[in-house]
């Protein structure tokens, strides 16, 4: 039932998101990508988004069109915004679970290995094509139904996934 033409299976940053549980509007599960042999677990959507952002920063694809801004303490005790490059901080953070190889040498899993994994509740294949306006744009495929949709932001991606989970039959929702 997987519509392979709906998502770019050759994308360097293809991520298989396996949702194992969604309880009180919070998703938990695993994600799989080409650069990690093991599944990367997430306990909430914030963790999911951060893991995906770290992957894209580490492989530097797609290139971020914005800089990371962080709150930093000022000398007067207030807050000021400190700008920092996404790719610099991302490569440092991502190195802890992706290793130190570059994106071509770091590939440890093939597309079929990624696609073989499924979630207990739902499975989504995500291909982020652009990182513009401080968010993501791309395409998501709901593996169980073969339906795919473009998204214009990370928030829209989460809403699409949440809507798909709401469509599951009642016996599947009880899991």
C-alpha atoms as a PDB file:
ATOM      1  CA  UNK A   1       0.000   0.000   0.000  1.00  0.00           C
ATOM      2  CA  UNK A   2       3.063   2.277   0.260  1.00  0.00           C
ATOM      3  CA  UNK A   3       3.022   4.816  -2.562  1.00  0.00           C
ATOM      4  CA  UNK A   4       6.754   5.177  -3.222  1.00  0.00           C
ATOM      5  CA  UNK A   5       6.155   7.853  -5.860  1.00  0.00           C
ATOM      6  CA  UNK A   6       4.532  10.175  -3.325  1.00  0.00           C
ATOM      7  CA  UNK A   7       7.790  10.814  -1.423  1.00  0.00           C
ATOM      8  CA  UNK A   8      11.354  11.202  -2.679  1.00  0.00           C
ATOM      9  CA  UNK A   9      12.826   7.913  -1.480  1.00  0.00           C
ATOM     10  CA  UNK A  10      16.330   9.041  -2.461  1.00  0.00           C
ATOM     11  CA  UNK A  11      16.223  12.133  -0.239  1.00  0.00           C
ATOM     12  CA  UNK A  12      19.208  12.349   2.083  1.00  0.00           C
ATOM     13  CA  UNK A  13      17.012  13.533   4.928  1.00  0.00           C
ATOM     14  CA  UNK A  14      14.147  11.057   4.542  1.00  0.00           C
ATOM     15  CA  UNK A  15      12.762  10.272   7.994  1.00  0.00           C
ATOM     16  CA  UNK A  16      10.399   7.455   8.931  1.00  0.00           C
ATOM     17  CA  UNK A  17       8.356   8.536  11.954  1.00  0.00           C
ATOM     18  CA  UNK A  18       6.804   5.569  13.767  1.00  0.00           C
ATOM     19  CA  UNK A  19       4.092   6.664  16.190  1.00  0.00           C
ATOM     20  CA  UNK A  20       3.690   4.001  18.865  1.00  0.00           C
ATOM     21  CA  UNK A  21       1.387   5.883  21.199  1.00  0.00           C
ATOM     22  CA  UNK A  22      -0.630   9.081  21.287  1.00  0.00           C
ATOM     23  CA  UNK A  23      -2.036   9.780  24.683  1.00  0.00           C
ATOM     24  CA  UNK A  24      -3.754  13.043  25.622  1.00  0.00           C
ATOM     25  CA  UNK A  25      -2.624  14.681  22.376  1.00  0.00           C
ATOM     26  CA  UNK A  26       1.039  13.737  22.893  1.00  0.00           C
ATOM     27  CA  UNK A  27       2.827  11.485  20.396  1.00  0.00           C
ATOM     28  CA  UNK A  28       5.607   9.093  21.358  1.00  0.00           C
ATOM     29  CA  UNK A  29       7.545   6.738  19.171  1.00  0.00           C
ATOM     30  CA  UNK A  30      10.695   6.285  17.132  1.00  0.00           C
ATOM     31  CA  UNK A  31      12.256   7.810  14.064  1.00  0.00           C
ATOM     32  CA  UNK A  32      14.547   6.198  11.540  1.00  0.00           C
ATOM     33  CA  UNK A  33      16.946   7.819   9.093  1.00  0.00           C
ATOM     34  CA  UNK A  34      19.940   6.937   6.925  1.00  0.00           C
ATOM     35  CA  UNK A  35      22.546   8.091   9.459  1.00  0.00           C
ATOM     36  CA  UNK A  36      21.705   6.129  12.587  1.00  0.00           C
ATOM     37  CA  UNK A  37      21.688   2.342  12.931  1.00  0.00           C
ATOM     38  CA  UNK A  38      19.362   2.445  15.919  1.00  0.00           C
ATOM     39  CA  UNK A  39      15.953   4.015  16.258  1.00  0.00           C
ATOM     40  CA  UNK A  40      15.884   7.483  17.792  1.00  0.00           C
ATOM     41  CA  UNK A  41      13.153   7.573  20.444  1.00  0.00           C
ATOM     42  CA  UNK A  42      11.013  10.614  21.174  1.00  0.00           C
ATOM     43  CA  UNK A  43       8.655  11.182  24.085  1.00  0.00           C
ATOM     44  CA  UNK A  44       6.863  14.254  22.775  1.00  0.00           C
ATOM     45  CA  UNK A  45       6.557  16.383  19.645  1.00  0.00           C
ATOM     46  CA  UNK A  46       9.197  18.817  20.863  1.00  0.00           C
ATOM     47  CA  UNK A  47      11.736  16.000  21.065  1.00  0.00           C
ATOM     48  CA  UNK A  48      10.665  14.762  17.619  1.00  0.00           C
ATOM     49  CA  UNK A  49      11.134  18.189  16.045  1.00  0.00           C
ATOM     50  CA  UNK A  50      14.490  18.750  17.755  1.00  0.00           C
ATOM     51  CA  UNK A  51      15.822  15.360  16.603  1.00  0.00           C
ATOM     52  CA  UNK A  52      14.774  16.071  13.016  1.00  0.00           C
ATOM     53  CA  UNK A  53      16.273  19.572  13.126  1.00  0.00           C
ATOM     54  CA  UNK A  54      19.551  18.157  14.459  1.00  0.00           C
ATOM     55  CA  UNK A  55      19.656  15.637  11.623  1.00  0.00           C
ATOM     56  CA  UNK A  56      19.141  18.345   8.996  1.00  0.00           C
ATOM     57  CA  UNK A  57      21.735  20.578  10.661  1.00  0.00           C
ATOM     58  CA  UNK A  58      24.249  17.747  10.809  1.00  0.00           C
ATOM     59  CA  UNK A  59      23.929  16.765   7.159  1.00  0.00           C
ATOM     60  CA  UNK A  60      23.435  20.436   6.233  1.00  0.00           C
ATOM     61  CA  UNK A  61      20.478  19.520   4.043  1.00  0.00           C
ATOM     62  CA  UNK A  62      18.251  21.209   3.262  1.00  0.00           C
ATOM     63  CA  UNK A  63      20.247  24.308   4.012  1.00  0.00           C
ATOM     64  CA  UNK A  64      18.692  26.562   6.643  1.00  0.00           C
ATOM     65  CA  UNK A  65      17.812  30.027   5.383  1.00  0.00           C
ATOM     66  CA  UNK A  66      17.680  31.562   8.871  1.00  0.00           C
ATOM     67  CA  UNK A  67      19.959  31.890  11.864  1.00  0.00           C
ATOM     68  CA  UNK A  68      19.280  30.440  15.275  1.00  0.00           C
ATOM     69  CA  UNK A  69      18.558  33.062  17.911  1.00  0.00           C
ATOM     70  CA  UNK A  70      18.823  32.330  21.615  1.00  0.00           C
ATOM     71  CA  UNK A  71      18.109  34.192  24.791  1.00  0.00           C
ATOM     72  CA  UNK A  72      21.269  35.144  26.627  1.00  0.00           C
ATOM     73  CA  UNK A  73      21.643  37.126  29.818  1.00  0.00           C
ATOM     74  CA  UNK A  74      22.680  40.732  29.371  1.00  0.00           C
ATOM     75  CA  UNK A  75      25.006  42.596  31.682  1.00  0.00           C
ATOM     76  CA  UNK A  76      22.005  44.414  33.187  1.00  0.00           C
ATOM     77  CA  UNK A  77      20.246  41.197  34.174  1.00  0.00           C
ATOM     78  CA  UNK A  78      17.679  41.283  31.378  1.00  0.00           C
ATOM     79  CA  UNK A  79      17.592  39.231  28.223  1.00  0.00           C
ATOM     80  CA  UNK A  80      18.990  39.952  24.812  1.00  0.00           C
ATOM     81  CA  UNK A  81      18.866  37.866  21.692  1.00  0.00           C
ATOM     82  CA  UNK A  82      22.082  36.226  20.600  1.00  0.00           C
ATOM     83  CA  UNK A  83      22.345  35.032  16.997  1.00  0.00           C
ATOM     84  CA  UNK A  84      24.122  31.819  16.162  1.00  0.00           C
ATOM     85  CA  UNK A  85      24.351  29.771  12.983  1.00  0.00           C
ATOM     86  CA  UNK A  86      22.092  26.701  12.829  1.00  0.00           C
ATOM     87  CA  UNK A  87      24.695  24.590  11.115  1.00  0.00           C
ATOM     88  CA  UNK A  88      27.412  25.334  13.680  1.00  0.00           C
ATOM     89  CA  UNK A  89      25.333  24.405  16.699  1.00  0.00           C
ATOM     90  CA  UNK A  90      23.590  21.590  14.834  1.00  0.00           C
ATOM     91  CA  UNK A  91      26.792  19.858  13.830  1.00  0.00           C
ATOM     92  CA  UNK A  92      27.982  19.953  17.425  1.00  0.00           C
ATOM     93  CA  UNK A  93      24.684  18.653  18.826  1.00  0.00           C
ATOM     94  CA  UNK A  94      24.107  16.128  16.050  1.00  0.00           C
ATOM     95  CA  UNK A  95      27.551  14.613  16.429  1.00  0.00           C
ATOM     96  CA  UNK A  96      26.551  12.911  19.669  1.00  0.00           C
ATOM     97  CA  UNK A  97      24.290  10.400  17.916  1.00  0.00           C
ATOM     98  CA  UNK A  98      25.146  10.656  14.241  1.00  0.00           C
ATOM     99  CA  UNK A  99      28.889  10.201  14.549  1.00  0.00           C
ATOM    100  CA  UNK A 100      31.518  12.423  13.008  1.00  0.00           C
ATOM    101  CA  UNK A 101      31.371  11.407   9.349  1.00  0.00           C
ATOM    102  CA  UNK A 102      30.125  13.727   6.626  1.00  0.00           C
ATOM    103  CA  UNK A 103      26.663  13.129   5.177  1.00  0.00           C
ATOM    104  CA  UNK A 104      27.749  10.880   2.284  1.00  0.00           C
ATOM    105  CA  UNK A 105      30.124   8.743   4.323  1.00  0.00           C
ATOM    106  CA  UNK A 106      27.761   8.659   7.285  1.00  0.00           C
ATOM    107  CA  UNK A 107      24.982   6.703   5.553  1.00  0.00           C
ATOM    108  CA  UNK A 108      24.506   3.430   7.421  1.00  0.00           C
ATOM    109  CA  UNK A 109      20.980   2.448   6.305  1.00  0.00           C
ATOM    110  CA  UNK A 110      19.359   1.980   2.952  1.00  0.00           C
ATOM    111  CA  UNK A 111      15.888   3.190   1.988  1.00  0.00           C
ATOM    112  CA  UNK A 112      14.355  -0.285   2.278  1.00  0.00           C
ATOM    113  CA  UNK A 113      15.678  -0.691   5.828  1.00  0.00           C
ATOM    114  CA  UNK A 114      14.071   2.617   6.790  1.00  0.00           C
ATOM    115  CA  UNK A 115      10.768   1.735   5.106  1.00  0.00           C
ATOM    116  CA  UNK A 116      10.514  -1.669   6.813  1.00  0.00           C
ATOM    117  CA  UNK A 117       9.913  -0.063  10.208  1.00  0.00           C
ATOM    118  CA  UNK A 118       6.321   0.645  11.234  1.00  0.00           C
ATOM    119  CA  UNK A 119       4.668   2.300  14.202  1.00  0.00           C
ATOM    120  CA  UNK A 120       2.106   0.600  16.426  1.00  0.00           C
ATOM    121  CA  UNK A 121      -0.355   3.439  15.728  1.00  0.00           C
ATOM    122  CA  UNK A 122       0.819   5.037  12.475  1.00  0.00           C
ATOM    123  CA  UNK A 123       3.832   5.519  10.235  1.00  0.00           C
ATOM    124  CA  UNK A 124       4.770   8.720   8.414  1.00  0.00           C
ATOM    125  CA  UNK A 125       7.525   9.226   5.868  1.00  0.00           C
ATOM    126  CA  UNK A 126       8.711  12.821   5.916  1.00  0.00           C
ATOM    127  CA  UNK A 127      10.859  14.594   3.369  1.00  0.00           C
ATOM    128  CA  UNK A 128      11.700  18.169   4.317  1.00  0.00           C
ATOM    129  CA  UNK A 129      12.507  19.920   1.044  1.00  0.00           C
ATOM    130  CA  UNK A 130      13.159  23.466   2.293  1.00  0.00           C
ATOM    131  CA  UNK A 131      13.922  25.231   5.561  1.00  0.00           C
ATOM    132  CA  UNK A 132      12.715  28.755   4.919  1.00  0.00           C
ATOM    133  CA  UNK A 133      11.081  31.381   7.132  1.00  0.00           C
ATOM    134  CA  UNK A 134      12.452  29.606  10.229  1.00  0.00           C
ATOM    135  CA  UNK A 135      10.357  26.481   9.584  1.00  0.00           C
ATOM    136  CA  UNK A 136      10.117  23.486   7.248  1.00  0.00           C
ATOM    137  CA  UNK A 137       8.372  22.847   3.954  1.00  0.00           C
ATOM    138  CA  UNK A 138       8.068  19.416   2.387  1.00  0.00           C
ATOM    139  CA  UNK A 139       5.933  16.349   1.907  1.00  0.00           C
ATOM    140  CA  UNK A 140       4.573  13.735   4.307  1.00  0.00           C
ATOM    141  CA  UNK A 141       3.231  10.299   3.385  1.00  0.00           C
ATOM    142  CA  UNK A 142       0.924   8.362   5.714  1.00  0.00           C
ATOM    143  CA  UNK A 143       2.233   4.864   5.029  1.00  0.00           C
ATOM    144  CA  UNK A 144      -0.850   2.919   6.141  1.00  0.00           C
ATOM    145  CA  UNK A 145      -3.188   4.675   3.702  1.00  0.00           C
ATOM    146  CA  UNK A 146      -0.780   5.770   0.967  1.00  0.00           C
ATOM    147  CA  UNK A 147      -2.058   9.359   1.237  1.00  0.00           C
ATOM    148  CA  UNK A 148       0.462  12.153   0.953  1.00  0.00           C
ATOM    149  CA  UNK A 149       0.291  15.870   1.493  1.00  0.00           C
ATOM    150  CA  UNK A 150       2.569  18.879   1.246  1.00  0.00           C
ATOM    151  CA  UNK A 151       3.159  20.907   4.404  1.00  0.00           C
ATOM    152  CA  UNK A 152       4.267  24.536   4.705  1.00  0.00           C
ATOM    153  CA  UNK A 153       5.509  24.516   8.294  1.00  0.00           C
ATOM    154  CA  UNK A 154       6.540  22.163  11.072  1.00  0.00           C
ATOM    155  CA  UNK A 155       3.288  23.042  12.845  1.00  0.00           C
ATOM    156  CA  UNK A 156       1.266  22.065   9.778  1.00  0.00           C
ATOM    157  CA  UNK A 157       3.190  18.772   9.621  1.00  0.00           C
ATOM    158  CA  UNK A 158       2.238  18.043  13.241  1.00  0.00           C
ATOM    159  CA  UNK A 159      -1.403  18.938  12.566  1.00  0.00           C
ATOM    160  CA  UNK A 160      -1.490  16.600   9.548  1.00  0.00           C
ATOM    161  CA  UNK A 161      -0.065  13.760  11.626  1.00  0.00           C
ATOM    162  CA  UNK A 162      -2.464  14.458  14.499  1.00  0.00           C
ATOM    163  CA  UNK A 163      -5.403  14.543  12.073  1.00  0.00           C
ATOM    164  CA  UNK A 164      -4.338  11.192  10.652  1.00  0.00           C
ATOM    165  CA  UNK A 165      -4.249   9.686  14.154  1.00  0.00           C
ATOM    166  CA  UNK A 166      -7.778  11.014  14.755  1.00  0.00           C
ATOM    167  CA  UNK A 167      -8.967   9.162  11.633  1.00  0.00           C
ATOM    168  CA  UNK A 168      -7.887   5.755  12.947  1.00  0.00           C
ATOM    169  CA  UNK A 169     -10.692   3.307  13.743  1.00  0.00           C
ATOM    170  CA  UNK A 170     -11.750   3.129  17.383  1.00  0.00           C
ATOM    171  CA  UNK A 171     -10.120  -0.275  18.006  1.00  0.00           C
ATOM    172  CA  UNK A 172      -6.778   1.128  16.782  1.00  0.00           C
ATOM    173  CA  UNK A 173      -7.186   4.218  18.974  1.00  0.00           C
ATOM    174  CA  UNK A 174      -7.571   2.083  22.096  1.00  0.00           C
ATOM    175  CA  UNK A 175      -3.969   0.826  21.821  1.00  0.00           C
END
